[in-house]
Amino acid sequence: MSEEYRAKVFKSGNSVALRLPKALGLKEGDEMMIVREDKPGFKVEPVAAPKRKIDLTGIAGSMPWLKPLTPEEREFDDPPRAWDHPDWGKDR
């Protein structure tokens, strides 16, 4: 079941702003998308934050010994594990 909140529209410079209740859990700086619906009303949704990318260009040059792996070097052995043994866990 959804909850209802009241919000006030107020003048902010040459625009109007909508003050939303703290109970909605929004933080200052959150970006919202507002869509005018066909019927009288609006839909307000948070904008998905873009995924962050890590830039390693400055680090790669500081380690000259670090070289890319060849396709053959990317193949790893699959060592045996204790739980692969047929008697593992039988004594419990």
C-alpha atoms as a PDB file:
ATOM      1  CA  MET A   1       0.000   0.000   0.000  1.00  0.00           C
ATOM      2  CA  SER A   2       1.379   3.411  -0.889  1.00  0.00           C
ATOM      3  CA  GLU A   3       1.698   6.305   1.506  1.00  0.00           C
ATOM      4  CA  GLU A   4       0.523   9.843   0.815  1.00  0.00           C
ATOM      5  CA  TYR A   5       2.577  12.975   1.431  1.00  0.00           C
ATOM      6  CA  ARG A   6       1.762  16.623   0.913  1.00  0.00           C
ATOM      7  CA  ALA A   7       4.281  18.974  -0.650  1.00  0.00           C
ATOM      8  CA  LYS A   8       4.315  22.747  -1.120  1.00  0.00           C
ATOM      9  CA  VAL A   9       5.127  24.648  -4.279  1.00  0.00           C
ATOM     10  CA  PHE A  10       7.008  27.892  -3.614  1.00  0.00           C
ATOM     11  CA  LYS A  11       8.763  30.621  -5.615  1.00  0.00           C
ATOM     12  CA  SER A  12      12.500  30.173  -6.078  1.00  0.00           C
ATOM     13  CA  GLY A  13      14.016  32.987  -8.149  1.00  0.00           C
ATOM     14  CA  ASN A  14      12.142  33.118 -11.477  1.00  0.00           C
ATOM     15  CA  SER A  15      10.948  29.515 -11.082  1.00  0.00           C
ATOM     16  CA  VAL A  16       8.707  27.549  -8.812  1.00  0.00           C
ATOM     17  CA  ALA A  17      10.019  24.672  -6.715  1.00  0.00           C
ATOM     18  CA  LEU A  18       8.450  21.714  -5.002  1.00  0.00           C
ATOM     19  CA  ARG A  19       9.499  21.040  -1.414  1.00  0.00           C
ATOM     20  CA  LEU A  20       9.352  17.289  -0.773  1.00  0.00           C
ATOM     21  CA  PRO A  21       9.058  15.718   2.687  1.00  0.00           C
ATOM     22  CA  LYS A  22      12.210  14.289   4.276  1.00  0.00           C
ATOM     23  CA  ALA A  23      10.290  11.045   4.895  1.00  0.00           C
ATOM     24  CA  LEU A  24      10.679  10.196   1.186  1.00  0.00           C
ATOM     25  CA  GLY A  25      14.368   9.484   1.819  1.00  0.00           C
ATOM     26  CA  LEU A  26      15.750  11.805  -0.856  1.00  0.00           C
ATOM     27  CA  LYS A  27      19.122  13.485  -0.369  1.00  0.00           C
ATOM     28  CA  GLU A  28      20.181  16.957  -1.389  1.00  0.00           C
ATOM     29  CA  GLY A  29      21.505  16.793  -4.937  1.00  0.00           C
ATOM     30  CA  ASP A  30      19.443  13.744  -5.983  1.00  0.00           C
ATOM     31  CA  GLU A  31      18.368  14.120  -9.607  1.00  0.00           C
ATOM     32  CA  MET A  32      14.708  13.498 -10.430  1.00  0.00           C
ATOM     33  CA  MET A  33      12.813  13.042 -13.708  1.00  0.00           C
ATOM     34  CA  ILE A  34       9.395  14.728 -13.895  1.00  0.00           C
ATOM     35  CA  VAL A  35       6.965  13.565 -16.574  1.00  0.00           C
ATOM     36  CA  ARG A  36       3.666  15.298 -17.353  1.00  0.00           C
ATOM     37  CA  GLU A  37       1.077  12.539 -17.734  1.00  0.00           C
ATOM     38  CA  ASP A  38      -1.823  12.509 -20.247  1.00  0.00           C
ATOM     39  CA  LYS A  39      -4.309  12.720 -17.434  1.00  0.00           C
ATOM     40  CA  PRO A  40      -3.910  15.719 -15.120  1.00  0.00           C
ATOM     41  CA  GLY A  41      -0.854  15.023 -13.020  1.00  0.00           C
ATOM     42  CA  PHE A  42       2.872  14.321 -12.948  1.00  0.00           C
ATOM     43  CA  LYS A  43       5.103  11.353 -12.352  1.00  0.00           C
ATOM     44  CA  VAL A  44       8.335  11.936 -10.398  1.00  0.00           C
ATOM     45  CA  GLU A  45      11.090   9.293 -10.528  1.00  0.00           C
ATOM     46  CA  PRO A  46      14.763   9.251  -9.559  1.00  0.00           C
ATOM     47  CA  VAL A  47      17.241   9.387 -12.433  1.00  0.00           C
ATOM     48  CA  ALA A  48      19.539   6.369 -12.469  1.00  0.00           C
ATOM     49  CA  ALA A  49      23.100   7.412 -11.657  1.00  0.00           C
ATOM     50  CA  PRO A  50      25.595   6.638 -14.417  1.00  0.00           C
ATOM     51  CA  LYS A  51      27.941   3.747 -13.673  1.00  0.00           C
ATOM     52  CA  ARG A  52      31.314   4.945 -12.486  1.00  0.00           C
ATOM     53  CA  LYS A  53      34.411   3.884 -14.391  1.00  0.00           C
ATOM     54  CA  ILE A  54      37.859   3.521 -12.880  1.00  0.00           C
ATOM     55  CA  ASP A  55      40.640   5.296 -14.775  1.00  0.00           C
ATOM     56  CA  LEU A  56      43.905   3.351 -14.489  1.00  0.00           C
ATOM     57  CA  THR A  57      45.883   5.243 -17.141  1.00  0.00           C
ATOM     58  CA  GLY A  58      48.051   6.989 -14.531  1.00  0.00           C
ATOM     59  CA  ILE A  59      48.809   3.759 -12.694  1.00  0.00           C
ATOM     60  CA  ALA A  60      49.694   1.580 -15.691  1.00  0.00           C
ATOM     61  CA  GLY A  61      52.630   3.772 -16.724  1.00  0.00           C
ATOM     62  CA  SER A  62      54.141   3.682 -13.234  1.00  0.00           C
ATOM     63  CA  MET A  63      54.607  -0.122 -13.385  1.00  0.00           C
ATOM     64  CA  PRO A  64      56.707  -0.935 -16.467  1.00  0.00           C
ATOM     65  CA  TRP A  65      57.142  -4.554 -15.345  1.00  0.00           C
ATOM     66  CA  LEU A  66      53.397  -5.100 -15.612  1.00  0.00           C
ATOM     67  CA  LYS A  67      52.566  -6.544 -19.035  1.00  0.00           C
ATOM     68  CA  PRO A  68      49.239  -7.735 -20.473  1.00  0.00           C
ATOM     69  CA  LEU A  69      48.643 -11.486 -20.239  1.00  0.00           C
ATOM     70  CA  THR A  70      48.730 -13.543 -23.406  1.00  0.00           C
ATOM     71  CA  PRO A  71      45.687 -15.743 -24.093  1.00  0.00           C
ATOM     72  CA  GLU A  72      47.699 -18.791 -23.010  1.00  0.00           C
ATOM     73  CA  GLU A  73      48.586 -17.132 -19.695  1.00  0.00           C
ATOM     74  CA  ARG A  74      44.912 -16.447 -19.034  1.00  0.00           C
ATOM     75  CA  GLU A  75      44.226 -20.191 -18.730  1.00  0.00           C
ATOM     76  CA  PHE A  76      44.277 -21.172 -15.069  1.00  0.00           C
ATOM     77  CA  ASP A  77      44.551 -24.632 -13.558  1.00  0.00           C
ATOM     78  CA  ASP A  78      41.531 -25.822 -11.625  1.00  0.00           C
ATOM     79  CA  PRO A  79      43.127 -27.300  -8.471  1.00  0.00           C
ATOM     80  CA  PRO A  80      41.258 -30.007  -6.583  1.00  0.00           C
ATOM     81  CA  ARG A  81      39.164 -28.779  -3.675  1.00  0.00           C
ATOM     82  CA  ALA A  82      38.282 -30.566  -0.454  1.00  0.00           C
ATOM     83  CA  TRP A  83      34.558 -30.521  -1.218  1.00  0.00           C
ATOM     84  CA  ASP A  84      35.173 -32.256  -4.564  1.00  0.00           C
ATOM     85  CA  HIS A  85      36.333 -35.417  -2.756  1.00  0.00           C
ATOM     86  CA  PRO A  86      33.532 -38.067  -2.574  1.00  0.00           C
ATOM     87  CA  ASP A  87      34.007 -38.550   1.198  1.00  0.00           C
ATOM     88  CA  TRP A  88      33.873 -34.828   2.031  1.00  0.00           C
ATOM     89  CA  GLY A  89      31.194 -34.008   4.587  1.00  0.00           C
ATOM     90  CA  LYS A  90      30.187 -37.622   5.336  1.00  0.00           C
ATOM     91  CA  ASP A  91      31.511 -37.526   8.906  1.00  0.00           C
ATOM     92  CA  ARG A  92      29.132 -34.709   9.880  1.00  0.00           C
END
